[in-house]
Amino acid sequence: MAIELARQQTALKPWGVVDLRPWSNARHGGNAIGEIWYERAVGTTEDPSLLLKLLFTSQPLSIQVHPDDAFALAMGMTRGKTEAWYILSAAPGAKIALGLKQRMTPQQLRSAVEDGSISTLVVWRAVSPQDVIFVPAGTIHAIGAGIVVAELQQRSDVTFRLFDQGRRRELHIESAVAAADAGPADFQVQPSRLTEERKLLVSSPYFVFERIDLAQDSAWSLEADCETWFLVLGGGARAGSFDIATGDALFAQSDRIDIYPNPTGMVGLVAYTGDRPAPRLLQRIAQPGLDGGLPQAAPSLSPKAKHAIRTNLN
């Protein structure tokens, strides 16, 4: 059983930003910070299987690809890297890239990486706040400048670069060509409403990603039966023994978090292991001091939501 306030670990990146507010007050002497990783409390012995992080881009990231589980295991790694993005903010004209304009053979892809023409072959699309992008392992992708994104992924840091925007870092041509699904990708992700408070963003074989909106003067129990991460996007709450606000994250496993939103309410992202939405993830509880704070029945799911739970959406 565990409920922990996740600690923020920042990573310096050439494409990052100096000011991370409102997500963090972290500073590195004027150096650009590109990522915040949310980690378990110091002293824990078991590594989680998911990684939740924020990315901040002032320049385009490299065009890259991540291996799937089979490829990663063959290389002696623990797991591959499937990920999902939730756009928190985007400057006008900000774009992300997903997949290629046409199917390519391994030799064609290798040639495009070697001569740099891969940069003209990826498909770019403008993004806006609250957009959701699913990036299965093997998908060639990139994130453009002017974006803040919440990223959920299998816990792996294996990245094969195909094009680095002139930064002259090492490319990983052979590994990238072997790992890539060198063709078009599907931008279409259709979030679906599970309850009034829960919106399903992505359901994959490795994780489920949801957004929850909790109104003021309400009280909730979040049932973390499996590895679960919770990130505050707006507002705040008393969650377990912690006061949490924008940019704070919790880790929980085999435990229950009682959440009492602030007068402004609270909006957050919830991510957990499994391949389908948890039917009883979020339950309304009675207000303390009025009727004992006992859990009530979970909000009713719509027929569409029940179908989403029974089946794997992606």
C-alpha atoms as a PDB file:
ATOM      1  CA  MET A   1       0.000   0.000   0.000  1.00  0.00           C
ATOM      2  CA  ALA A   2       1.350   3.438  -0.907  1.00  0.00           C
ATOM      3  CA  ILE A   3       0.300   7.061  -1.303  1.00  0.00           C
ATOM      4  CA  GLU A   4       3.202   9.400  -2.048  1.00  0.00           C
ATOM      5  CA  LEU A   5       3.691  12.986  -3.124  1.00  0.00           C
ATOM      6  CA  ALA A   6       5.785  12.551  -6.267  1.00  0.00           C
ATOM      7  CA  ARG A   7       9.028  14.466  -6.473  1.00  0.00           C
ATOM      8  CA  GLN A   8       9.931  16.505  -9.534  1.00  0.00           C
ATOM      9  CA  GLN A   9      13.170  15.712 -11.328  1.00  0.00           C
ATOM     10  CA  THR A  10      14.140  18.263 -13.985  1.00  0.00           C
ATOM     11  CA  ALA A  11      16.197  17.544 -17.105  1.00  0.00           C
ATOM     12  CA  LEU A  12      18.213  20.163 -18.983  1.00  0.00           C
ATOM     13  CA  LYS A  13      17.578  20.115 -22.744  1.00  0.00           C
ATOM     14  CA  PRO A  14      18.786  22.388 -25.557  1.00  0.00           C
ATOM     15  CA  TRP A  15      15.191  22.783 -26.738  1.00  0.00           C
ATOM     16  CA  GLY A  16      13.757  23.587 -23.294  1.00  0.00           C
ATOM     17  CA  VAL A  17      12.662  26.790 -21.532  1.00  0.00           C
ATOM     18  CA  VAL A  18      13.859  28.761 -18.517  1.00  0.00           C
ATOM     19  CA  ASP A  19      10.493  29.574 -16.908  1.00  0.00           C
ATOM     20  CA  LEU A  20       8.353  26.534 -16.080  1.00  0.00           C
ATOM     21  CA  ARG A  21       5.571  28.362 -14.258  1.00  0.00           C
ATOM     22  CA  PRO A  22       2.815  27.556 -13.356  1.00  0.00           C
ATOM     23  CA  TRP A  23       3.959  23.933 -13.397  1.00  0.00           C
ATOM     24  CA  SER A  24       7.125  24.374 -11.371  1.00  0.00           C
ATOM     25  CA  ASN A  25       9.312  27.064  -9.804  1.00  0.00           C
ATOM     26  CA  ALA A  26      12.474  25.104 -10.620  1.00  0.00           C
ATOM     27  CA  ARG A  27      15.419  27.124 -11.942  1.00  0.00           C
ATOM     28  CA  HIS A  28      18.845  26.051 -13.185  1.00  0.00           C
ATOM     29  CA  GLY A  29      20.780  29.301 -13.346  1.00  0.00           C
ATOM     30  CA  GLY A  30      19.256  30.387 -16.630  1.00  0.00           C
ATOM     31  CA  ASN A  31      19.772  27.007 -18.330  1.00  0.00           C
ATOM     32  CA  ALA A  32      16.914  25.604 -20.397  1.00  0.00           C
ATOM     33  CA  ILE A  33      14.839  22.865 -18.749  1.00  0.00           C
ATOM     34  CA  GLY A  34      13.062  20.558 -21.158  1.00  0.00           C
ATOM     35  CA  GLU A  35      11.436  17.953 -18.939  1.00  0.00           C
ATOM     36  CA  ILE A  36       9.993  17.346 -15.500  1.00  0.00           C
ATOM     37  CA  TRP A  37       9.899  13.684 -14.505  1.00  0.00           C
ATOM     38  CA  TYR A  38       7.583  12.668 -11.677  1.00  0.00           C
ATOM     39  CA  GLU A  39       9.340  10.121  -9.502  1.00  0.00           C
ATOM     40  CA  ARG A  40       8.390   8.077  -6.477  1.00  0.00           C
ATOM     41  CA  ALA A  41       9.548   9.194  -3.044  1.00  0.00           C
ATOM     42  CA  VAL A  42      13.201   8.682  -2.140  1.00  0.00           C
ATOM     43  CA  GLY A  43      13.904   5.273  -0.623  1.00  0.00           C
ATOM     44  CA  THR A  44      11.313   3.243  -2.516  1.00  0.00           C
ATOM     45  CA  THR A  45      12.659  -0.088  -3.719  1.00  0.00           C
ATOM     46  CA  GLU A  46      10.389  -0.891  -6.657  1.00  0.00           C
ATOM     47  CA  ASP A  47      10.565   1.012  -9.936  1.00  0.00           C
ATOM     48  CA  PRO A  48       7.187   1.823 -11.474  1.00  0.00           C
ATOM     49  CA  SER A  49       6.336   0.590 -14.952  1.00  0.00           C
ATOM     50  CA  LEU A  50       4.950   3.962 -16.097  1.00  0.00           C
ATOM     51  CA  LEU A  51       6.583   7.375 -16.363  1.00  0.00           C
ATOM     52  CA  LEU A  52       4.627  10.626 -16.160  1.00  0.00           C
ATOM     53  CA  LYS A  53       6.395  13.785 -17.241  1.00  0.00           C
ATOM     54  CA  LEU A  54       5.969  17.306 -18.609  1.00  0.00           C
ATOM     55  CA  LEU A  55       7.817  18.574 -21.684  1.00  0.00           C
ATOM     56  CA  PHE A  56       8.486  22.247 -22.469  1.00  0.00           C
ATOM     57  CA  THR A  57       9.637  23.122 -25.988  1.00  0.00           C
ATOM     58  CA  SER A  58      11.144  26.369 -27.268  1.00  0.00           C
ATOM     59  CA  GLN A  59      12.555  24.564 -30.322  1.00  0.00           C
ATOM     60  CA  PRO A  60      11.460  21.453 -32.251  1.00  0.00           C
ATOM     61  CA  LEU A  61      12.570  18.133 -30.772  1.00  0.00           C
ATOM     62  CA  SER A  62      14.382  15.537 -32.827  1.00  0.00           C
ATOM     63  CA  ILE A  63      12.479  13.270 -35.191  1.00  0.00           C
ATOM     64  CA  GLN A  64      12.645   9.957 -33.395  1.00  0.00           C
ATOM     65  CA  VAL A  65      11.193   6.523 -32.804  1.00  0.00           C
ATOM     66  CA  HIS A  66      10.955   4.169 -29.825  1.00  0.00           C
ATOM     67  CA  PRO A  67      11.148   0.358 -29.882  1.00  0.00           C
ATOM     68  CA  ASP A  68       8.303  -1.973 -28.996  1.00  0.00           C
ATOM     69  CA  ASP A  69       8.586  -4.602 -26.270  1.00  0.00           C
ATOM     70  CA  ALA A  70       9.888  -7.364 -28.556  1.00  0.00           C
ATOM     71  CA  PHE A  71      12.616  -5.154 -30.041  1.00  0.00           C
ATOM     72  CA  ALA A  72      13.600  -3.818 -26.613  1.00  0.00           C
ATOM     73  CA  LEU A  73      13.808  -7.293 -25.062  1.00  0.00           C
ATOM     74  CA  ALA A  74      15.949  -8.513 -27.966  1.00  0.00           C
ATOM     75  CA  MET A  75      18.390  -5.685 -27.151  1.00  0.00           C
ATOM     76  CA  GLY A  76      18.475  -6.577 -23.463  1.00  0.00           C
ATOM     77  CA  MET A  77      16.136  -3.780 -22.344  1.00  0.00           C
ATOM     78  CA  THR A  78      13.258  -4.178 -19.911  1.00  0.00           C
ATOM     79  CA  ARG A  79      10.448  -2.877 -22.111  1.00  0.00           C
ATOM     80  CA  GLY A  80       9.595  -0.795 -25.137  1.00  0.00           C
ATOM     81  CA  LYS A  81       8.071   2.662 -25.149  1.00  0.00           C
ATOM     82  CA  THR A  82       4.498   3.403 -26.112  1.00  0.00           C
ATOM     83  CA  GLU A  83       3.365   6.861 -25.060  1.00  0.00           C
ATOM     84  CA  ALA A  84       0.457   9.304 -25.059  1.00  0.00           C
ATOM     85  CA  TRP A  85       0.456  13.111 -25.061  1.00  0.00           C
ATOM     86  CA  TYR A  86      -2.033  15.564 -23.594  1.00  0.00           C
ATOM     87  CA  ILE A  87      -1.432  19.116 -24.857  1.00  0.00           C
ATOM     88  CA  LEU A  88      -1.439  21.593 -21.962  1.00  0.00           C
ATOM     89  CA  SER A  89      -0.579  24.726 -23.940  1.00  0.00           C
ATOM     90  CA  ALA A  90       0.400  25.510 -27.513  1.00  0.00           C
ATOM     91  CA  ALA A  91       1.596  28.708 -29.147  1.00  0.00           C
ATOM     92  CA  PRO A  92      -0.220  29.779 -32.330  1.00  0.00           C
ATOM     93  CA  GLY A  93       0.887  27.500 -35.160  1.00  0.00           C
ATOM     94  CA  ALA A  94       2.509  24.939 -32.852  1.00  0.00           C
ATOM     95  CA  LYS A  95       2.690  21.470 -34.415  1.00  0.00           C
ATOM     96  CA  ILE A  96       3.525  17.858 -33.720  1.00  0.00           C
ATOM     97  CA  ALA A  97       4.607  15.206 -36.220  1.00  0.00           C
ATOM     98  CA  LEU A  98       3.248  11.680 -36.362  1.00  0.00           C
ATOM     99  CA  GLY A  99       4.055   9.094 -39.011  1.00  0.00           C
ATOM    100  CA  LEU A 100       5.186   9.498 -42.621  1.00  0.00           C
ATOM    101  CA  LYS A 101       3.422  10.783 -45.715  1.00  0.00           C
ATOM    102  CA  GLN A 102       3.771   7.399 -47.399  1.00  0.00           C
ATOM    103  CA  ARG A 103       4.948   3.861 -46.695  1.00  0.00           C
ATOM    104  CA  MET A 104       8.716   3.399 -47.134  1.00  0.00           C
ATOM    105  CA  THR A 105      10.949   0.361 -47.398  1.00  0.00           C
ATOM    106  CA  PRO A 106      13.788   0.007 -44.868  1.00  0.00           C
ATOM    107  CA  GLN A 107      16.289   1.054 -47.553  1.00  0.00           C
ATOM    108  CA  GLN A 108      14.251   4.116 -48.490  1.00  0.00           C
ATOM    109  CA  LEU A 109      13.968   5.103 -44.826  1.00  0.00           C
ATOM    110  CA  ARG A 110      17.697   4.581 -44.285  1.00  0.00           C
ATOM    111  CA  SER A 111      18.492   6.800 -47.276  1.00  0.00           C
ATOM    112  CA  ALA A 112      16.080   9.496 -46.065  1.00  0.00           C
ATOM    113  CA  VAL A 113      17.751   9.522 -42.645  1.00  0.00           C
ATOM    114  CA  GLU A 114      21.249   9.623 -44.121  1.00  0.00           C
ATOM    115  CA  ASP A 115      20.539  12.573 -46.443  1.00  0.00           C
ATOM    116  CA  GLY A 116      18.222  14.413 -44.017  1.00  0.00           C
ATOM    117  CA  SER A 117      15.159  14.294 -46.273  1.00  0.00           C
ATOM    118  CA  ILE A 118      13.272  12.500 -43.493  1.00  0.00           C
ATOM    119  CA  SER A 119      12.509  16.006 -42.187  1.00  0.00           C
ATOM    120  CA  THR A 120      10.250  16.621 -45.211  1.00  0.00           C
ATOM    121  CA  LEU A 121       8.554  13.213 -45.070  1.00  0.00           C
ATOM    122  CA  VAL A 122       6.963  13.334 -41.615  1.00  0.00           C
ATOM    123  CA  VAL A 123       3.370  14.529 -41.275  1.00  0.00           C
ATOM    124  CA  TRP A 124       2.945  17.683 -39.174  1.00  0.00           C
ATOM    125  CA  ARG A 125      -0.344  18.785 -37.640  1.00  0.00           C
ATOM    126  CA  ALA A 126      -1.282  21.882 -35.653  1.00  0.00           C
ATOM    127  CA  VAL A 127      -2.287  21.229 -32.050  1.00  0.00           C
ATOM    128  CA  SER A 128      -4.338  23.060 -29.439  1.00  0.00           C
ATOM    129  CA  PRO A 129      -4.730  22.712 -25.665  1.00  0.00           C
ATOM    130  CA  GLN A 130      -6.550  19.518 -24.604  1.00  0.00           C
ATOM    131  CA  ASP A 131      -5.623  17.646 -27.792  1.00  0.00           C
ATOM    132  CA  VAL A 132      -4.714  13.998 -27.213  1.00  0.00           C
ATOM    133  CA  ILE A 133      -2.135  12.112 -29.295  1.00  0.00           C
ATOM    134  CA  PHE A 134      -1.422   8.399 -28.988  1.00  0.00           C
ATOM    135  CA  VAL A 135       2.087   7.317 -30.053  1.00  0.00           C
ATOM    136  CA  PRO A 136       2.457   3.531 -30.240  1.00  0.00           C
ATOM    137  CA  ALA A 137       5.995   2.156 -30.143  1.00  0.00           C
ATOM    138  CA  GLY A 138       7.488   2.173 -33.633  1.00  0.00           C
ATOM    139  CA  THR A 139       5.729   5.398 -34.697  1.00  0.00           C
ATOM    140  CA  ILE A 140       8.055   8.059 -36.132  1.00  0.00           C
ATOM    141  CA  HIS A 141       7.240  11.318 -34.358  1.00  0.00           C
ATOM    142  CA  ALA A 142       8.390  14.739 -33.182  1.00  0.00           C
ATOM    143  CA  ILE A 143       7.142  17.600 -31.017  1.00  0.00           C
ATOM    144  CA  GLY A 144       7.428  21.133 -32.370  1.00  0.00           C
ATOM    145  CA  ALA A 145       8.272  24.395 -30.623  1.00  0.00           C
ATOM    146  CA  GLY A 146       5.984  26.346 -28.310  1.00  0.00           C
ATOM    147  CA  ILE A 147       4.264  23.414 -26.626  1.00  0.00           C
ATOM    148  CA  VAL A 148       3.798  22.193 -23.067  1.00  0.00           C
ATOM    149  CA  VAL A 149       2.712  18.564 -23.029  1.00  0.00           C
ATOM    150  CA  ALA A 150       1.929  16.015 -20.348  1.00  0.00           C
ATOM    151  CA  GLU A 151       3.401  12.713 -21.498  1.00  0.00           C
ATOM    152  CA  LEU A 152       2.533   9.276 -20.187  1.00  0.00           C
ATOM    153  CA  GLN A 153       4.722   6.397 -21.299  1.00  0.00           C
ATOM    154  CA  GLN A 154       6.024   2.984 -20.539  1.00  0.00           C
ATOM    155  CA  ARG A 155       8.990   3.566 -18.274  1.00  0.00           C
ATOM    156  CA  SER A 156      11.822   3.449 -20.777  1.00  0.00           C
ATOM    157  CA  ASP A 157      14.281   6.097 -21.922  1.00  0.00           C
ATOM    158  CA  VAL A 158      15.241   4.399 -25.187  1.00  0.00           C
ATOM    159  CA  THR A 159      15.060   6.840 -28.103  1.00  0.00           C
ATOM    160  CA  PHE A 160      16.434   6.365 -31.626  1.00  0.00           C
ATOM    161  CA  ARG A 161      17.000   9.698 -33.398  1.00  0.00           C
ATOM    162  CA  LEU A 162      16.461  10.004 -37.163  1.00  0.00           C
ATOM    163  CA  PHE A 163      16.916  13.786 -37.514  1.00  0.00           C
ATOM    164  CA  ASP A 164      18.117  16.270 -34.895  1.00  0.00           C
ATOM    165  CA  GLN A 165      17.206  19.714 -36.242  1.00  0.00           C
ATOM    166  CA  GLY A 166      20.873  20.643 -36.808  1.00  0.00           C
ATOM    167  CA  ARG A 167      22.039  19.937 -33.248  1.00  0.00           C
ATOM    168  CA  ARG A 168      24.657  17.434 -34.451  1.00  0.00           C
ATOM    169  CA  ARG A 169      23.893  14.836 -31.803  1.00  0.00           C
ATOM    170  CA  GLU A 170      24.315  11.185 -32.682  1.00  0.00           C
ATOM    171  CA  LEU A 171      21.742   9.582 -34.946  1.00  0.00           C
ATOM    172  CA  HIS A 172      20.771   5.942 -34.481  1.00  0.00           C
ATOM    173  CA  ILE A 173      20.149   4.978 -38.068  1.00  0.00           C
ATOM    174  CA  GLU A 174      20.241   1.187 -38.008  1.00  0.00           C
ATOM    175  CA  SER A 175      18.277   0.846 -34.765  1.00  0.00           C
ATOM    176  CA  ALA A 176      15.732   3.454 -35.898  1.00  0.00           C
ATOM    177  CA  VAL A 177      15.180   1.746 -39.236  1.00  0.00           C
ATOM    178  CA  ALA A 178      14.772  -1.642 -37.536  1.00  0.00           C
ATOM    179  CA  ALA A 179      12.354  -0.327 -34.895  1.00  0.00           C
ATOM    180  CA  ALA A 180      10.219   1.973 -37.062  1.00  0.00           C
ATOM    181  CA  ASP A 181       6.825   1.360 -38.580  1.00  0.00           C
ATOM    182  CA  ALA A 182       7.798   3.429 -41.624  1.00  0.00           C
ATOM    183  CA  GLY A 183       4.409   4.569 -42.817  1.00  0.00           C
ATOM    184  CA  PRO A 184       1.426   6.828 -42.086  1.00  0.00           C
ATOM    185  CA  ALA A 185       0.057   6.994 -38.541  1.00  0.00           C
ATOM    186  CA  ASP A 186      -3.420   7.640 -37.198  1.00  0.00           C
ATOM    187  CA  PHE A 187      -3.874  11.069 -35.605  1.00  0.00           C
ATOM    188  CA  GLN A 188      -7.435  10.263 -34.602  1.00  0.00           C
ATOM    189  CA  VAL A 189      -7.949   9.826 -30.869  1.00  0.00           C
ATOM    190  CA  GLN A 190     -11.532  10.143 -29.699  1.00  0.00           C
ATOM    191  CA  PRO A 191     -11.785  10.851 -25.955  1.00  0.00           C
ATOM    192  CA  SER A 192     -15.028   9.529 -24.509  1.00  0.00           C
ATOM    193  CA  ARG A 193     -17.037  10.527 -21.469  1.00  0.00           C
ATOM    194  CA  LEU A 194     -17.174   7.757 -18.845  1.00  0.00           C
ATOM    195  CA  THR A 195     -19.038   9.782 -16.216  1.00  0.00           C
ATOM    196  CA  GLU A 196     -19.656  13.476 -15.661  1.00  0.00           C
ATOM    197  CA  GLU A 197     -16.292  13.629 -13.882  1.00  0.00           C
ATOM    198  CA  ARG A 198     -14.238  11.133 -15.939  1.00  0.00           C
ATOM    199  CA  LYS A 199     -13.108  11.454 -19.554  1.00  0.00           C
ATOM    200  CA  LEU A 200     -11.186   8.584 -21.116  1.00  0.00           C
ATOM    201  CA  LEU A 201      -8.284   9.916 -23.184  1.00  0.00           C
ATOM    202  CA  VAL A 202      -6.393   6.747 -24.175  1.00  0.00           C
ATOM    203  CA  SER A 203      -6.765   3.055 -23.410  1.00  0.00           C
ATOM    204  CA  SER A 204      -3.843   0.898 -24.581  1.00  0.00           C
ATOM    205  CA  PRO A 205      -2.400  -2.526 -23.731  1.00  0.00           C
ATOM    206  CA  TYR A 206       0.022  -0.798 -21.331  1.00  0.00           C
ATOM    207  CA  PHE A 207      -1.895   1.986 -19.618  1.00  0.00           C
ATOM    208  CA  VAL A 208      -5.103   3.953 -19.298  1.00  0.00           C
ATOM    209  CA  PHE A 209      -5.060   7.759 -19.374  1.00  0.00           C
ATOM    210  CA  GLU A 210      -7.980   9.820 -18.092  1.00  0.00           C
ATOM    211  CA  ARG A 211      -8.888  13.411 -17.292  1.00  0.00           C
ATOM    212  CA  ILE A 212     -11.025  14.069 -14.228  1.00  0.00           C
ATOM    213  CA  ASP A 213     -12.932  17.252 -13.341  1.00  0.00           C
ATOM    214  CA  LEU A 214     -14.012  17.561  -9.700  1.00  0.00           C
ATOM    215  CA  ALA A 215     -16.390  20.321  -8.675  1.00  0.00           C
ATOM    216  CA  GLN A 216     -16.111  22.464  -5.582  1.00  0.00           C
ATOM    217  CA  ASP A 217     -17.969  21.291  -2.477  1.00  0.00           C
ATOM    218  CA  SER A 218     -17.598  17.651  -3.497  1.00  0.00           C
ATOM    219  CA  ALA A 219     -15.615  14.759  -2.046  1.00  0.00           C
ATOM    220  CA  TRP A 220     -14.219  11.717  -3.811  1.00  0.00           C
ATOM    221  CA  SER A 221     -12.360   8.485  -3.264  1.00  0.00           C
ATOM    222  CA  LEU A 222      -9.846   7.471  -5.926  1.00  0.00           C
ATOM    223  CA  GLU A 223      -9.307   3.702  -5.802  1.00  0.00           C
ATOM    224  CA  ALA A 224      -5.709   2.993  -6.812  1.00  0.00           C
ATOM    225  CA  ASP A 225      -5.868  -0.789  -7.108  1.00  0.00           C
ATOM    226  CA  CYS A 226      -2.823  -0.833  -9.419  1.00  0.00           C
ATOM    227  CA  GLU A 227       0.052   1.547 -10.115  1.00  0.00           C
ATOM    228  CA  THR A 228      -1.614   4.967 -10.403  1.00  0.00           C
ATOM    229  CA  TRP A 229      -0.365   8.493 -11.090  1.00  0.00           C
ATOM    230  CA  PHE A 230      -2.380  11.657 -10.550  1.00  0.00           C
ATOM    231  CA  LEU A 231      -1.323  15.096 -11.854  1.00  0.00           C
ATOM    232  CA  VAL A 232      -3.073  18.364 -10.958  1.00  0.00           C
ATOM    233  CA  LEU A 233      -3.733  20.566 -14.008  1.00  0.00           C
ATOM    234  CA  GLY A 234      -5.742  23.288 -12.305  1.00  0.00           C
ATOM    235  CA  GLY A 235      -7.282  24.211  -8.977  1.00  0.00           C
ATOM    236  CA  GLY A 236      -6.258  22.132  -6.000  1.00  0.00           C
ATOM    237  CA  ALA A 237      -7.367  19.766  -3.275  1.00  0.00           C
ATOM    238  CA  ARG A 238      -6.632  18.019  -0.034  1.00  0.00           C
ATOM    239  CA  ALA A 239      -5.680  14.536  -1.196  1.00  0.00           C
ATOM    240  CA  GLY A 240      -4.927  12.037   1.539  1.00  0.00           C
ATOM    241  CA  SER A 241      -2.517  13.870   3.819  1.00  0.00           C
ATOM    242  CA  PHE A 242      -1.266  16.236   1.078  1.00  0.00           C
ATOM    243  CA  ASP A 243      -2.367  19.661  -0.113  1.00  0.00           C
ATOM    244  CA  ILE A 244      -1.886  19.578  -3.882  1.00  0.00           C
ATOM    245  CA  ALA A 245      -2.012  22.318  -6.521  1.00  0.00           C
ATOM    246  CA  THR A 246      -1.135  22.837 -10.193  1.00  0.00           C
ATOM    247  CA  GLY A 247       1.934  20.815 -11.155  1.00  0.00           C
ATOM    248  CA  ASP A 248       1.819  18.495  -8.142  1.00  0.00           C
ATOM    249  CA  ALA A 249       1.523  14.756  -8.671  1.00  0.00           C
ATOM    250  CA  LEU A 250       0.722  11.761  -6.492  1.00  0.00           C
ATOM    251  CA  PHE A 251       1.717   8.125  -6.797  1.00  0.00           C
ATOM    252  CA  ALA A 252      -0.550   5.473  -5.299  1.00  0.00           C
ATOM    253  CA  GLN A 253      -0.796   1.697  -5.409  1.00  0.00           C
ATOM    254  CA  SER A 254      -3.107  -0.740  -3.615  1.00  0.00           C
ATOM    255  CA  ASP A 255      -4.551   2.158  -1.682  1.00  0.00           C
ATOM    256  CA  ARG A 256      -7.336   4.741  -1.668  1.00  0.00           C
ATOM    257  CA  ILE A 257      -6.933   8.519  -1.917  1.00  0.00           C
ATOM    258  CA  ASP A 258      -9.717  10.663  -0.453  1.00  0.00           C
ATOM    259  CA  ILE A 259      -9.864  13.917  -2.431  1.00  0.00           C
ATOM    260  CA  TYR A 260     -11.527  17.136  -1.247  1.00  0.00           C
ATOM    261  CA  PRO A 261     -11.300  19.817  -3.976  1.00  0.00           C
ATOM    262  CA  ASN A 262     -10.640  23.468  -3.127  1.00  0.00           C
ATOM    263  CA  PRO A 263     -13.393  26.077  -3.550  1.00  0.00           C
ATOM    264  CA  THR A 264     -12.245  26.471  -7.160  1.00  0.00           C
ATOM    265  CA  GLY A 265     -12.572  22.729  -7.843  1.00  0.00           C
ATOM    266  CA  MET A 266      -9.825  20.660  -9.405  1.00  0.00           C
ATOM    267  CA  VAL A 267      -8.865  19.281 -12.814  1.00  0.00           C
ATOM    268  CA  GLY A 268      -6.333  16.489 -13.156  1.00  0.00           C
ATOM    269  CA  LEU A 269      -4.928  13.653 -15.213  1.00  0.00           C
ATOM    270  CA  VAL A 270      -5.016  10.077 -13.926  1.00  0.00           C
ATOM    271  CA  ALA A 271      -2.869   7.317 -15.395  1.00  0.00           C
ATOM    272  CA  TYR A 272      -2.744   3.695 -14.356  1.00  0.00           C
ATOM    273  CA  THR A 273      -1.602   0.304 -15.564  1.00  0.00           C
ATOM    274  CA  GLY A 274      -4.059  -2.023 -17.284  1.00  0.00           C
ATOM    275  CA  ASP A 275      -5.691  -2.233 -20.674  1.00  0.00           C
ATOM    276  CA  ARG A 276      -9.161  -0.846 -19.929  1.00  0.00           C
ATOM    277  CA  PRO A 277     -10.802   1.781 -17.719  1.00  0.00           C
ATOM    278  CA  ALA A 278     -11.320   0.858 -14.069  1.00  0.00           C
ATOM    279  CA  PRO A 279     -15.088   0.790 -13.385  1.00  0.00           C
ATOM    280  CA  ARG A 280     -14.741   1.993  -9.788  1.00  0.00           C
ATOM    281  CA  LEU A 281     -11.751   4.297 -10.119  1.00  0.00           C
ATOM    282  CA  LEU A 282     -13.607   7.326  -8.750  1.00  0.00           C
ATOM    283  CA  GLN A 283     -16.388   7.174  -6.173  1.00  0.00           C
ATOM    284  CA  ARG A 284     -18.238  10.027  -4.525  1.00  0.00           C
ATOM    285  CA  ILE A 285     -17.969  10.079  -0.746  1.00  0.00           C
ATOM    286  CA  ALA A 286     -20.055  11.875   1.829  1.00  0.00           C
ATOM    287  CA  GLN A 287     -18.646  15.054   3.329  1.00  0.00           C
ATOM    288  CA  PRO A 288     -16.811  14.520   6.633  1.00  0.00           C
ATOM    289  CA  GLY A 289     -18.723  15.577   9.702  1.00  0.00           C
ATOM    290  CA  LEU A 290     -22.057  15.253   7.957  1.00  0.00           C
ATOM    291  CA  ASP A 291     -22.563  11.569   7.352  1.00  0.00           C
ATOM    292  CA  GLY A 292     -19.319   9.887   8.276  1.00  0.00           C
ATOM    293  CA  GLY A 293     -17.433  10.130   4.992  1.00  0.00           C
ATOM    294  CA  LEU A 294     -18.553   6.704   3.806  1.00  0.00           C
ATOM    295  CA  PRO A 295     -18.148   5.814   0.131  1.00  0.00           C
ATOM    296  CA  GLN A 296     -21.273   6.015  -1.998  1.00  0.00           C
ATOM    297  CA  ALA A 297     -22.026   4.115  -5.171  1.00  0.00           C
ATOM    298  CA  ALA A 298     -19.858   5.002  -8.127  1.00  0.00           C
ATOM    299  CA  PRO A 299     -21.497   7.370 -10.653  1.00  0.00           C
ATOM    300  CA  SER A 300     -23.449   5.485 -13.281  1.00  0.00           C
ATOM    301  CA  LEU A 301     -21.615   4.787 -16.511  1.00  0.00           C
ATOM    302  CA  SER A 302     -23.311   5.395 -19.812  1.00  0.00           C
ATOM    303  CA  PRO A 303     -23.801   2.421 -22.168  1.00  0.00           C
ATOM    304  CA  LYS A 304     -20.994   3.828 -24.328  1.00  0.00           C
ATOM    305  CA  ALA A 305     -18.716   4.058 -21.297  1.00  0.00           C
ATOM    306  CA  LYS A 306     -19.536   0.495 -20.268  1.00  0.00           C
ATOM    307  CA  HIS A 307     -18.640  -0.655 -23.767  1.00  0.00           C
ATOM    308  CA  ALA A 308     -15.336   1.242 -23.482  1.00  0.00           C
ATOM    309  CA  ILE A 309     -14.556  -0.613 -20.281  1.00  0.00           C
ATOM    310  CA  ARG A 310     -15.388  -3.995 -21.756  1.00  0.00           C
ATOM    311  CA  THR A 311     -13.242  -3.460 -24.806  1.00  0.00           C
ATOM    312  CA  ASN A 312      -9.831  -2.103 -25.583  1.00  0.00           C
ATOM    313  CA  LEU A 313     -10.338   1.224 -27.391  1.00  0.00           C
ATOM    314  CA  ASN A 314      -6.933   1.262 -28.999  1.00  0.00           C
END
